[in-house]
Amino acid sequence: MRTQNNSSQNSSYGPCGDGAEIAYSIVDSALGRLLVAGTQRGDYPRATIRVANPNRHEDSRIGQWADALADYIAGSSKMPTPPMDIRGTPFQFAVWEQLLEIPAGETRSYSEIARRIGRPRAIRAVGTANGANPVSIIIPCHRAIRASGHLGGYRWGLERKRLLLEMEASPAPAAE
């Protein structure tokens, strides 16, 4: 994962982006409006950056990442890999690393992810870490499902989760 591993003690920003200069871009995508924001250390695609943050501005560099992500969602390009400046605990980063290991179009159960990080009884904690993922789609939390095969929850709605999984399972368009 190309991230700046930030625990809450040493991150480059506080909750909701407090203390950082944040650049952003908003683009339309096949899943709806998409906010991509970033610090000087990396991108932070998340819709919870407080609007009142006085240190935010539109930025063409971020716009390029936003466009690339919208193209990926549309199925016309590969997943972009921007540098990321995200906060999380060591446990959360372990879960997020496992999410990145799941190939596009495939899923893993929360219990399988828990086993893979060496914490087989931490199934609910894995679900919580999955839900705390600040860069959904890039760190593909939509690929985590219940052991029963049901989709489970998704911050952006089960219909979006279903659409992402269907899009990833479809063959990529042929290169021209």
N, C-alpha and C. Protein backbone atom coordinates (compact mmCIF):
# COMPACT_ATOMS: atom_id res chain seq x y z
N MET A 1 0.86 -1.16 0.00
CA MET A 1 0.00 0.00 0.00
C MET A 1 0.90 1.22 0.00
N ARG A 2 0.69 2.11 -0.94
CA ARG A 2 1.47 3.34 -0.99
C ARG A 2 0.80 4.38 -0.11
N THR A 3 0.96 4.24 1.17
CA THR A 3 0.35 5.19 2.09
C THR A 3 1.38 5.72 3.04
N GLN A 4 1.08 6.85 3.59
CA GLN A 4 1.83 7.36 4.71
C GLN A 4 1.11 6.79 5.92
N ASN A 5 1.72 5.82 6.61
CA ASN A 5 1.07 5.13 7.72
C ASN A 5 0.97 6.07 8.90
N ASN A 6 -0.20 6.62 9.09
CA ASN A 6 -0.40 7.60 10.14
C ASN A 6 -1.30 7.07 11.24
N SER A 7 -0.75 6.89 12.40
CA SER A 7 -1.61 6.62 13.55
C SER A 7 -2.19 7.96 13.96
N SER A 8 -3.13 7.94 14.84
CA SER A 8 -3.73 9.21 15.27
C SER A 8 -2.73 10.09 16.01
N GLN A 9 -1.61 9.52 16.47
CA GLN A 9 -0.63 10.31 17.19
C GLN A 9 0.29 11.09 16.26
N ASN A 10 0.59 10.61 15.07
CA ASN A 10 1.57 11.28 14.22
C ASN A 10 1.06 11.60 12.83
N SER A 11 -0.21 11.72 12.63
CA SER A 11 -0.74 11.99 11.30
C SER A 11 -0.45 13.43 10.90
N SER A 12 -0.55 13.67 9.59
CA SER A 12 -0.30 15.01 9.09
C SER A 12 -1.52 15.90 9.23
N TYR A 13 -2.61 15.38 9.76
CA TYR A 13 -3.83 16.15 9.92
C TYR A 13 -4.63 15.56 11.07
N GLY A 14 -5.58 16.30 11.54
CA GLY A 14 -6.45 15.84 12.61
C GLY A 14 -7.77 15.36 12.05
N PRO A 15 -8.73 15.06 12.91
CA PRO A 15 -10.05 14.62 12.44
C PRO A 15 -10.65 15.63 11.47
N CYS A 16 -11.26 15.12 10.42
CA CYS A 16 -11.90 15.95 9.39
C CYS A 16 -10.91 16.86 8.68
N GLY A 17 -9.63 16.51 8.70
CA GLY A 17 -8.63 17.29 7.99
C GLY A 17 -8.08 18.47 8.75
N ASP A 18 -8.43 18.63 10.02
CA ASP A 18 -7.94 19.76 10.80
C ASP A 18 -6.42 19.79 10.80
N GLY A 19 -5.85 20.97 10.58
CA GLY A 19 -4.41 21.15 10.66
C GLY A 19 -3.66 20.88 9.38
N ALA A 20 -4.33 20.60 8.30
CA ALA A 20 -3.64 20.32 7.04
C ALA A 20 -4.20 21.21 5.94
N GLU A 21 -3.34 21.52 4.99
CA GLU A 21 -3.83 22.17 3.78
C GLU A 21 -4.38 21.07 2.90
N ILE A 22 -5.63 21.20 2.53
CA ILE A 22 -6.31 20.15 1.78
C ILE A 22 -6.73 20.68 0.42
N ALA A 23 -6.29 20.00 -0.62
CA ALA A 23 -6.74 20.31 -1.97
C ALA A 23 -7.80 19.27 -2.33
N TYR A 24 -8.73 19.64 -3.19
CA TYR A 24 -9.81 18.71 -3.51
C TYR A 24 -10.29 18.89 -4.93
N SER A 25 -11.04 17.91 -5.38
CA SER A 25 -11.73 17.98 -6.64
C SER A 25 -13.01 17.15 -6.51
N ILE A 26 -14.04 17.59 -7.16
CA ILE A 26 -15.31 16.86 -7.18
C ILE A 26 -15.64 16.57 -8.63
N VAL A 27 -15.88 15.29 -8.94
CA VAL A 27 -16.23 14.88 -10.30
C VAL A 27 -17.46 13.99 -10.25
N ASP A 28 -18.13 13.91 -11.38
CA ASP A 28 -19.23 12.98 -11.51
C ASP A 28 -18.66 11.62 -11.89
N SER A 29 -19.29 10.56 -11.38
CA SER A 29 -18.86 9.20 -11.72
C SER A 29 -20.10 8.34 -11.91
N ALA A 30 -19.88 7.12 -12.35
CA ALA A 30 -20.99 6.19 -12.54
C ALA A 30 -21.69 5.85 -11.23
N LEU A 31 -21.04 6.13 -10.10
CA LEU A 31 -21.64 5.88 -8.78
C LEU A 31 -22.19 7.16 -8.15
N GLY A 32 -22.10 8.27 -8.83
CA GLY A 32 -22.54 9.55 -8.28
C GLY A 32 -21.37 10.51 -8.13
N ARG A 33 -21.59 11.60 -7.42
CA ARG A 33 -20.53 12.60 -7.21
C ARG A 33 -19.43 12.00 -6.37
N LEU A 34 -18.20 12.33 -6.74
CA LEU A 34 -17.03 11.76 -6.10
C LEU A 34 -16.12 12.89 -5.63
N LEU A 35 -15.81 12.92 -4.35
CA LEU A 35 -14.88 13.90 -3.78
C LEU A 35 -13.55 13.21 -3.58
N VAL A 36 -12.51 13.79 -4.14
CA VAL A 36 -11.15 13.32 -3.90
C VAL A 36 -10.39 14.51 -3.34
N ALA A 37 -9.76 14.31 -2.20
CA ALA A 37 -9.02 15.38 -1.55
C ALA A 37 -7.65 14.85 -1.16
N GLY A 38 -6.72 15.76 -0.94
CA GLY A 38 -5.39 15.32 -0.57
C GLY A 38 -4.60 16.37 0.17
N THR A 39 -3.62 15.88 0.90
CA THR A 39 -2.65 16.75 1.57
C THR A 39 -1.39 16.74 0.70
N GLN A 40 -0.37 17.41 1.13
CA GLN A 40 0.89 17.38 0.38
C GLN A 40 1.52 15.99 0.42
N ARG A 41 1.18 15.18 1.40
CA ARG A 41 1.73 13.83 1.50
C ARG A 41 1.02 12.82 0.62
N GLY A 42 -0.23 13.07 0.31
CA GLY A 42 -0.96 12.10 -0.50
C GLY A 42 -2.43 12.39 -0.53
N ASP A 43 -3.13 11.56 -1.28
CA ASP A 43 -4.55 11.77 -1.49
C ASP A 43 -5.38 11.14 -0.38
N TYR A 44 -6.52 11.70 -0.20
CA TYR A 44 -7.43 11.31 0.87
C TYR A 44 -8.85 11.38 0.34
N PRO A 45 -9.27 10.43 -0.53
CA PRO A 45 -10.62 10.49 -1.08
C PRO A 45 -11.66 10.17 -0.02
N ARG A 46 -12.35 11.14 0.43
CA ARG A 46 -13.35 10.91 1.47
C ARG A 46 -14.33 12.07 1.49
N ALA A 47 -15.54 11.76 1.79
CA ALA A 47 -16.59 12.78 1.75
C ALA A 47 -16.84 13.41 3.11
N THR A 48 -15.98 13.19 4.10
CA THR A 48 -16.26 13.73 5.43
C THR A 48 -15.36 14.89 5.81
N ILE A 49 -14.63 15.44 4.86
CA ILE A 49 -13.79 16.59 5.17
C ILE A 49 -14.72 17.76 5.44
N ARG A 50 -14.56 18.36 6.59
CA ARG A 50 -15.47 19.40 7.02
C ARG A 50 -15.40 20.60 6.07
N VAL A 51 -16.53 21.04 5.59
CA VAL A 51 -16.62 22.16 4.67
C VAL A 51 -16.05 23.43 5.30
N ALA A 52 -16.12 23.55 6.60
CA ALA A 52 -15.65 24.76 7.28
C ALA A 52 -14.13 24.84 7.34
N ASN A 53 -13.40 23.80 6.92
CA ASN A 53 -11.94 23.84 6.96
C ASN A 53 -11.45 24.97 6.06
N PRO A 54 -10.81 26.00 6.62
CA PRO A 54 -10.41 27.15 5.82
C PRO A 54 -9.19 26.86 4.93
N ASN A 55 -8.51 25.75 5.13
CA ASN A 55 -7.30 25.45 4.38
C ASN A 55 -7.56 24.46 3.25
N ARG A 56 -8.62 24.67 2.49
CA ARG A 56 -8.91 23.76 1.39
C ARG A 56 -9.10 24.57 0.11
N HIS A 57 -8.73 23.98 -1.01
CA HIS A 57 -8.86 24.65 -2.30
C HIS A 57 -8.86 23.63 -3.42
N GLU A 58 -9.45 24.01 -4.55
CA GLU A 58 -9.45 23.11 -5.70
C GLU A 58 -8.05 23.01 -6.25
N ASP A 59 -7.72 21.85 -6.80
CA ASP A 59 -6.36 21.58 -7.23
C ASP A 59 -6.38 20.68 -8.45
N SER A 60 -5.64 21.03 -9.52
CA SER A 60 -5.66 20.23 -10.75
C SER A 60 -4.99 18.87 -10.57
N ARG A 61 -3.97 18.78 -9.69
CA ARG A 61 -3.33 17.49 -9.44
C ARG A 61 -4.35 16.51 -8.87
N ILE A 62 -5.13 16.98 -7.91
CA ILE A 62 -6.16 16.14 -7.32
C ILE A 62 -7.23 15.84 -8.37
N GLY A 63 -7.54 16.82 -9.21
CA GLY A 63 -8.51 16.61 -10.28
C GLY A 63 -8.12 15.48 -11.22
N GLN A 64 -6.82 15.34 -11.48
CA GLN A 64 -6.35 14.25 -12.33
C GLN A 64 -6.61 12.90 -11.68
N TRP A 65 -6.36 12.81 -10.34
CA TRP A 65 -6.64 11.56 -9.63
C TRP A 65 -8.14 11.30 -9.59
N ALA A 66 -8.94 12.34 -9.39
CA ALA A 66 -10.40 12.18 -9.36
C ALA A 66 -10.90 11.67 -10.71
N ASP A 67 -10.40 12.25 -11.80
CA ASP A 67 -10.80 11.80 -13.14
C ASP A 67 -10.39 10.35 -13.37
N ALA A 68 -9.18 9.99 -12.93
CA ALA A 68 -8.71 8.61 -13.10
C ALA A 68 -9.58 7.64 -12.31
N LEU A 69 -10.00 8.04 -11.12
CA LEU A 69 -10.87 7.17 -10.32
C LEU A 69 -12.25 7.06 -10.96
N ALA A 70 -12.77 8.16 -11.49
CA ALA A 70 -14.07 8.11 -12.18
C ALA A 70 -13.98 7.21 -13.43
N ASP A 71 -12.84 7.26 -14.14
CA ASP A 71 -12.66 6.38 -15.30
C ASP A 71 -12.63 4.93 -14.88
N TYR A 72 -11.98 4.64 -13.75
CA TYR A 72 -11.96 3.27 -13.24
C TYR A 72 -13.38 2.80 -12.91
N ILE A 73 -14.13 3.64 -12.24
CA ILE A 73 -15.50 3.28 -11.86
C ILE A 73 -16.34 3.03 -13.11
N ALA A 74 -16.06 3.78 -14.17
CA ALA A 74 -16.79 3.60 -15.44
C ALA A 74 -16.35 2.35 -16.18
N GLY A 75 -15.27 1.71 -15.72
CA GLY A 75 -14.79 0.50 -16.36
C GLY A 75 -13.87 0.75 -17.54
N SER A 76 -13.37 1.98 -17.69
CA SER A 76 -12.56 2.29 -18.86
C SER A 76 -11.06 2.41 -18.56
N SER A 77 -10.65 2.10 -17.34
CA SER A 77 -9.22 2.15 -17.03
C SER A 77 -8.92 1.26 -15.83
N LYS A 78 -7.64 1.10 -15.56
CA LYS A 78 -7.21 0.35 -14.38
C LYS A 78 -7.34 1.23 -13.14
N MET A 79 -7.31 0.58 -11.98
CA MET A 79 -7.38 1.30 -10.71
C MET A 79 -6.17 2.22 -10.58
N PRO A 80 -6.41 3.51 -10.34
CA PRO A 80 -5.28 4.40 -10.11
C PRO A 80 -4.65 4.10 -8.74
N THR A 81 -3.40 4.41 -8.59
CA THR A 81 -2.71 4.16 -7.31
C THR A 81 -2.05 5.45 -6.82
N PRO A 82 -2.86 6.39 -6.37
CA PRO A 82 -2.28 7.63 -5.87
C PRO A 82 -1.57 7.41 -4.54
N PRO A 83 -0.59 8.25 -4.22
CA PRO A 83 -0.03 8.19 -2.86
C PRO A 83 -1.14 8.60 -1.90
N MET A 84 -1.17 7.97 -0.74
CA MET A 84 -2.26 8.27 0.20
C MET A 84 -1.71 8.67 1.56
N ASP A 85 -2.38 9.62 2.16
CA ASP A 85 -2.05 10.11 3.49
C ASP A 85 -3.27 9.84 4.36
N ILE A 86 -3.29 8.66 4.96
CA ILE A 86 -4.47 8.25 5.73
C ILE A 86 -4.09 7.90 7.15
N ARG A 87 -5.06 8.03 8.03
CA ARG A 87 -4.89 7.72 9.44
C ARG A 87 -5.48 6.35 9.73
N GLY A 88 -4.85 5.65 10.66
CA GLY A 88 -5.40 4.38 11.08
C GLY A 88 -4.53 3.75 12.14
N THR A 89 -5.08 2.76 12.80
CA THR A 89 -4.33 2.00 13.80
C THR A 89 -3.55 0.89 13.09
N PRO A 90 -2.59 0.28 13.75
CA PRO A 90 -1.90 -0.85 13.13
C PRO A 90 -2.87 -1.97 12.73
N PHE A 91 -3.88 -2.23 13.55
CA PHE A 91 -4.88 -3.25 13.22
C PHE A 91 -5.62 -2.85 11.94
N GLN A 92 -6.06 -1.59 11.84
CA GLN A 92 -6.77 -1.15 10.65
C GLN A 92 -5.90 -1.29 9.41
N PHE A 93 -4.62 -0.89 9.52
CA PHE A 93 -3.74 -1.03 8.37
C PHE A 93 -3.57 -2.49 7.97
N ALA A 94 -3.53 -3.40 8.93
CA ALA A 94 -3.42 -4.83 8.62
C ALA A 94 -4.65 -5.29 7.83
N VAL A 95 -5.83 -4.84 8.25
CA VAL A 95 -7.06 -5.19 7.53
C VAL A 95 -7.05 -4.58 6.14
N TRP A 96 -6.67 -3.32 6.03
CA TRP A 96 -6.67 -2.64 4.73
C TRP A 96 -5.67 -3.28 3.77
N GLU A 97 -4.52 -3.74 4.28
CA GLU A 97 -3.56 -4.45 3.44
C GLU A 97 -4.19 -5.73 2.88
N GLN A 98 -4.97 -6.44 3.71
CA GLN A 98 -5.64 -7.65 3.24
C GLN A 98 -6.68 -7.32 2.18
N LEU A 99 -7.38 -6.22 2.34
CA LEU A 99 -8.35 -5.82 1.32
C LEU A 99 -7.67 -5.60 -0.02
N LEU A 100 -6.48 -5.02 0.01
CA LEU A 100 -5.73 -4.78 -1.23
C LEU A 100 -5.27 -6.08 -1.88
N GLU A 101 -5.19 -7.14 -1.12
CA GLU A 101 -4.76 -8.44 -1.65
C GLU A 101 -5.89 -9.17 -2.38
N ILE A 102 -7.12 -8.73 -2.20
CA ILE A 102 -8.25 -9.41 -2.84
C ILE A 102 -8.31 -8.96 -4.30
N PRO A 103 -8.19 -9.89 -5.24
CA PRO A 103 -8.23 -9.51 -6.65
C PRO A 103 -9.59 -8.90 -7.03
N ALA A 104 -9.55 -8.00 -7.99
CA ALA A 104 -10.78 -7.39 -8.50
C ALA A 104 -11.73 -8.48 -8.96
N GLY A 105 -13.00 -8.34 -8.62
CA GLY A 105 -14.01 -9.31 -9.00
C GLY A 105 -14.16 -10.46 -8.03
N GLU A 106 -13.31 -10.51 -7.01
CA GLU A 106 -13.41 -11.55 -6.00
C GLU A 106 -13.78 -10.94 -4.66
N THR A 107 -14.17 -11.79 -3.73
CA THR A 107 -14.52 -11.33 -2.39
C THR A 107 -13.85 -12.23 -1.36
N ARG A 108 -13.78 -11.73 -0.14
CA ARG A 108 -13.31 -12.51 1.01
C ARG A 108 -14.26 -12.21 2.16
N SER A 109 -14.47 -13.20 3.00
CA SER A 109 -15.33 -12.98 4.17
C SER A 109 -14.53 -12.24 5.25
N TYR A 110 -15.26 -11.59 6.12
CA TYR A 110 -14.63 -10.92 7.25
C TYR A 110 -13.84 -11.93 8.07
N SER A 111 -14.38 -13.14 8.22
CA SER A 111 -13.67 -14.15 9.00
C SER A 111 -12.38 -14.60 8.31
N GLU A 112 -12.38 -14.69 6.99
CA GLU A 112 -11.16 -15.04 6.26
C GLU A 112 -10.11 -13.94 6.42
N ILE A 113 -10.53 -12.70 6.35
CA ILE A 113 -9.59 -11.59 6.55
C ILE A 113 -9.02 -11.64 7.96
N ALA A 114 -9.86 -11.92 8.94
CA ALA A 114 -9.40 -12.03 10.33
C ALA A 114 -8.35 -13.14 10.45
N ARG A 115 -8.60 -14.28 9.82
CA ARG A 115 -7.62 -15.37 9.86
C ARG A 115 -6.31 -14.96 9.20
N ARG A 116 -6.40 -14.26 8.08
CA ARG A 116 -5.19 -13.88 7.34
C ARG A 116 -4.32 -12.87 8.09
N ILE A 117 -4.91 -12.09 8.97
CA ILE A 117 -4.09 -11.15 9.75
C ILE A 117 -3.67 -11.76 11.08
N GLY A 118 -3.99 -13.04 11.29
CA GLY A 118 -3.59 -13.72 12.51
C GLY A 118 -4.45 -13.43 13.71
N ARG A 119 -5.68 -12.95 13.49
CA ARG A 119 -6.61 -12.64 14.56
C ARG A 119 -7.96 -13.29 14.27
N PRO A 120 -8.04 -14.62 14.25
CA PRO A 120 -9.24 -15.31 13.78
C PRO A 120 -10.51 -15.00 14.57
N ARG A 121 -10.39 -14.53 15.79
CA ARG A 121 -11.59 -14.22 16.59
C ARG A 121 -12.01 -12.76 16.45
N ALA A 122 -11.29 -11.98 15.69
CA ALA A 122 -11.54 -10.53 15.59
C ALA A 122 -12.43 -10.19 14.39
N ILE A 123 -13.41 -11.03 14.14
CA ILE A 123 -14.26 -10.85 12.95
C ILE A 123 -15.00 -9.51 12.99
N ARG A 124 -15.60 -9.18 14.12
CA ARG A 124 -16.32 -7.90 14.21
C ARG A 124 -15.36 -6.72 14.11
N ALA A 125 -14.18 -6.86 14.70
CA ALA A 125 -13.19 -5.79 14.62
C ALA A 125 -12.74 -5.59 13.17
N VAL A 126 -12.65 -6.67 12.42
CA VAL A 126 -12.32 -6.56 11.00
C VAL A 126 -13.42 -5.78 10.28
N GLY A 127 -14.67 -6.08 10.60
CA GLY A 127 -15.78 -5.34 10.00
C GLY A 127 -15.73 -3.86 10.35
N THR A 128 -15.38 -3.56 11.59
CA THR A 128 -15.27 -2.17 12.02
C THR A 128 -14.13 -1.47 11.29
N ALA A 129 -12.98 -2.13 11.18
CA ALA A 129 -11.83 -1.56 10.45
C ALA A 129 -12.19 -1.36 8.98
N ASN A 130 -12.91 -2.32 8.43
CA ASN A 130 -13.35 -2.21 7.04
C ASN A 130 -14.22 -0.97 6.86
N GLY A 131 -15.13 -0.75 7.79
CA GLY A 131 -16.02 0.40 7.72
C GLY A 131 -15.31 1.72 7.96
N ALA A 132 -14.15 1.69 8.61
CA ALA A 132 -13.38 2.90 8.89
C ALA A 132 -12.43 3.26 7.74
N ASN A 133 -12.39 2.46 6.72
CA ASN A 133 -11.52 2.69 5.57
C ASN A 133 -11.81 4.08 4.98
N PRO A 134 -10.84 4.98 5.01
CA PRO A 134 -11.09 6.34 4.53
C PRO A 134 -10.99 6.50 3.03
N VAL A 135 -10.54 5.49 2.31
CA VAL A 135 -10.37 5.61 0.87
C VAL A 135 -11.06 4.45 0.16
N SER A 136 -12.37 4.37 0.36
CA SER A 136 -13.12 3.28 -0.27
C SER A 136 -12.89 3.32 -1.77
N ILE A 137 -13.05 2.22 -2.39
CA ILE A 137 -12.78 1.91 -3.79
C ILE A 137 -11.28 1.70 -3.98
N ILE A 138 -10.42 2.67 -3.61
CA ILE A 138 -8.98 2.47 -3.76
C ILE A 138 -8.51 1.35 -2.84
N ILE A 139 -8.90 1.38 -1.58
CA ILE A 139 -8.74 0.22 -0.71
C ILE A 139 -10.11 -0.44 -0.74
N PRO A 140 -10.24 -1.56 -1.46
CA PRO A 140 -11.55 -2.08 -1.87
C PRO A 140 -12.34 -2.77 -0.76
N CYS A 141 -12.87 -1.98 0.15
CA CYS A 141 -13.66 -2.53 1.25
C CYS A 141 -14.94 -3.19 0.74
N HIS A 142 -15.35 -2.87 -0.47
CA HIS A 142 -16.55 -3.50 -1.04
C HIS A 142 -16.34 -4.99 -1.32
N ARG A 143 -15.10 -5.44 -1.31
CA ARG A 143 -14.80 -6.86 -1.57
C ARG A 143 -14.92 -7.73 -0.33
N ALA A 144 -15.20 -7.14 0.82
CA ALA A 144 -15.39 -7.91 2.06
C ALA A 144 -16.88 -8.21 2.22
N ILE A 145 -17.19 -9.48 2.49
CA ILE A 145 -18.58 -9.90 2.62
C ILE A 145 -18.73 -10.80 3.84
N ARG A 146 -19.97 -11.13 4.15
CA ARG A 146 -20.25 -12.05 5.26
C ARG A 146 -19.88 -13.48 4.86
N ALA A 147 -19.61 -14.31 5.85
CA ALA A 147 -19.27 -15.72 5.60
C ALA A 147 -20.41 -16.44 4.88
N SER A 148 -21.64 -15.97 5.06
CA SER A 148 -22.79 -16.59 4.40
C SER A 148 -22.84 -16.30 2.91
N GLY A 149 -22.00 -15.37 2.45
CA GLY A 149 -22.02 -14.96 1.05
C GLY A 149 -22.84 -13.71 0.80
N HIS A 150 -23.58 -13.25 1.83
CA HIS A 150 -24.34 -12.01 1.69
C HIS A 150 -23.39 -10.83 1.71
N LEU A 151 -23.80 -9.74 1.09
CA LEU A 151 -22.93 -8.58 0.97
C LEU A 151 -22.59 -7.93 2.30
N GLY A 152 -23.47 -7.97 3.26
CA GLY A 152 -23.22 -7.27 4.52
C GLY A 152 -23.49 -5.79 4.34
N GLY A 153 -22.80 -4.96 5.09
CA GLY A 153 -23.01 -3.52 5.00
C GLY A 153 -22.02 -2.85 4.08
N TYR A 154 -22.29 -1.58 3.79
CA TYR A 154 -21.39 -0.74 3.00
C TYR A 154 -21.79 0.70 3.24
N ARG A 155 -20.83 1.50 3.64
CA ARG A 155 -21.10 2.90 3.98
C ARG A 155 -21.84 3.64 2.87
N TRP A 156 -21.56 3.31 1.63
CA TRP A 156 -22.14 4.04 0.50
C TRP A 156 -23.37 3.34 -0.06
N GLY A 157 -23.87 2.32 0.64
CA GLY A 157 -25.09 1.64 0.24
C GLY A 157 -24.81 0.32 -0.48
N LEU A 158 -25.66 -0.65 -0.23
CA LEU A 158 -25.46 -1.97 -0.81
C LEU A 158 -25.57 -1.97 -2.33
N GLU A 159 -26.37 -1.07 -2.89
CA GLU A 159 -26.48 -1.02 -4.35
C GLU A 159 -25.14 -0.63 -4.97
N ARG A 160 -24.45 0.33 -4.37
CA ARG A 160 -23.12 0.71 -4.88
C ARG A 160 -22.13 -0.44 -4.71
N LYS A 161 -22.20 -1.14 -3.58
CA LYS A 161 -21.31 -2.28 -3.36
C LYS A 161 -21.56 -3.34 -4.44
N ARG A 162 -22.81 -3.64 -4.68
CA ARG A 162 -23.18 -4.61 -5.71
C ARG A 162 -22.67 -4.16 -7.09
N LEU A 163 -22.86 -2.88 -7.42
CA LEU A 163 -22.41 -2.37 -8.72
C LEU A 163 -20.89 -2.46 -8.87
N LEU A 164 -20.15 -2.13 -7.81
CA LEU A 164 -18.69 -2.23 -7.87
C LEU A 164 -18.25 -3.67 -8.11
N LEU A 165 -18.85 -4.60 -7.39
CA LEU A 165 -18.48 -6.01 -7.56
C LEU A 165 -18.83 -6.51 -8.96
N GLU A 166 -19.99 -6.11 -9.47
CA GLU A 166 -20.37 -6.50 -10.83
C GLU A 166 -19.43 -5.90 -11.86
N MET A 167 -19.07 -4.63 -11.68
CA MET A 167 -18.16 -3.97 -12.61
C MET A 167 -16.81 -4.68 -12.63
N GLU A 168 -16.31 -5.03 -11.45
CA GLU A 168 -15.00 -5.69 -11.37
C GLU A 168 -15.04 -7.11 -11.94
N ALA A 169 -16.17 -7.76 -11.87
CA ALA A 169 -16.28 -9.13 -12.38
C ALA A 169 -16.42 -9.16 -13.90
N SER A 170 -16.81 -8.02 -14.49
CA SER A 170 -16.97 -7.95 -15.95
C SER A 170 -15.60 -7.89 -16.60
N PRO A 171 -15.49 -8.47 -17.80
CA PRO A 171 -14.20 -8.37 -18.50
C PRO A 171 -13.90 -6.92 -18.84
N ALA A 172 -12.63 -6.57 -18.74
CA ALA A 172 -12.19 -5.20 -19.06
C ALA A 172 -12.38 -4.96 -20.55
N PRO A 173 -12.67 -3.71 -20.94
CA PRO A 173 -12.80 -3.42 -22.37
C PRO A 173 -11.46 -3.64 -23.08
N ALA A 174 -11.55 -4.05 -24.33
CA ALA A 174 -10.34 -4.30 -25.12
C ALA A 174 -9.60 -2.99 -25.36
N ALA A 175 -8.27 -3.05 -25.32
CA ALA A 175 -7.44 -1.87 -25.59
C ALA A 175 -7.52 -1.54 -27.07
N GLU A 176 -7.48 -0.26 -27.38
CA GLU A 176 -7.55 0.17 -28.79
C GLU A 176 -6.17 0.42 -29.31
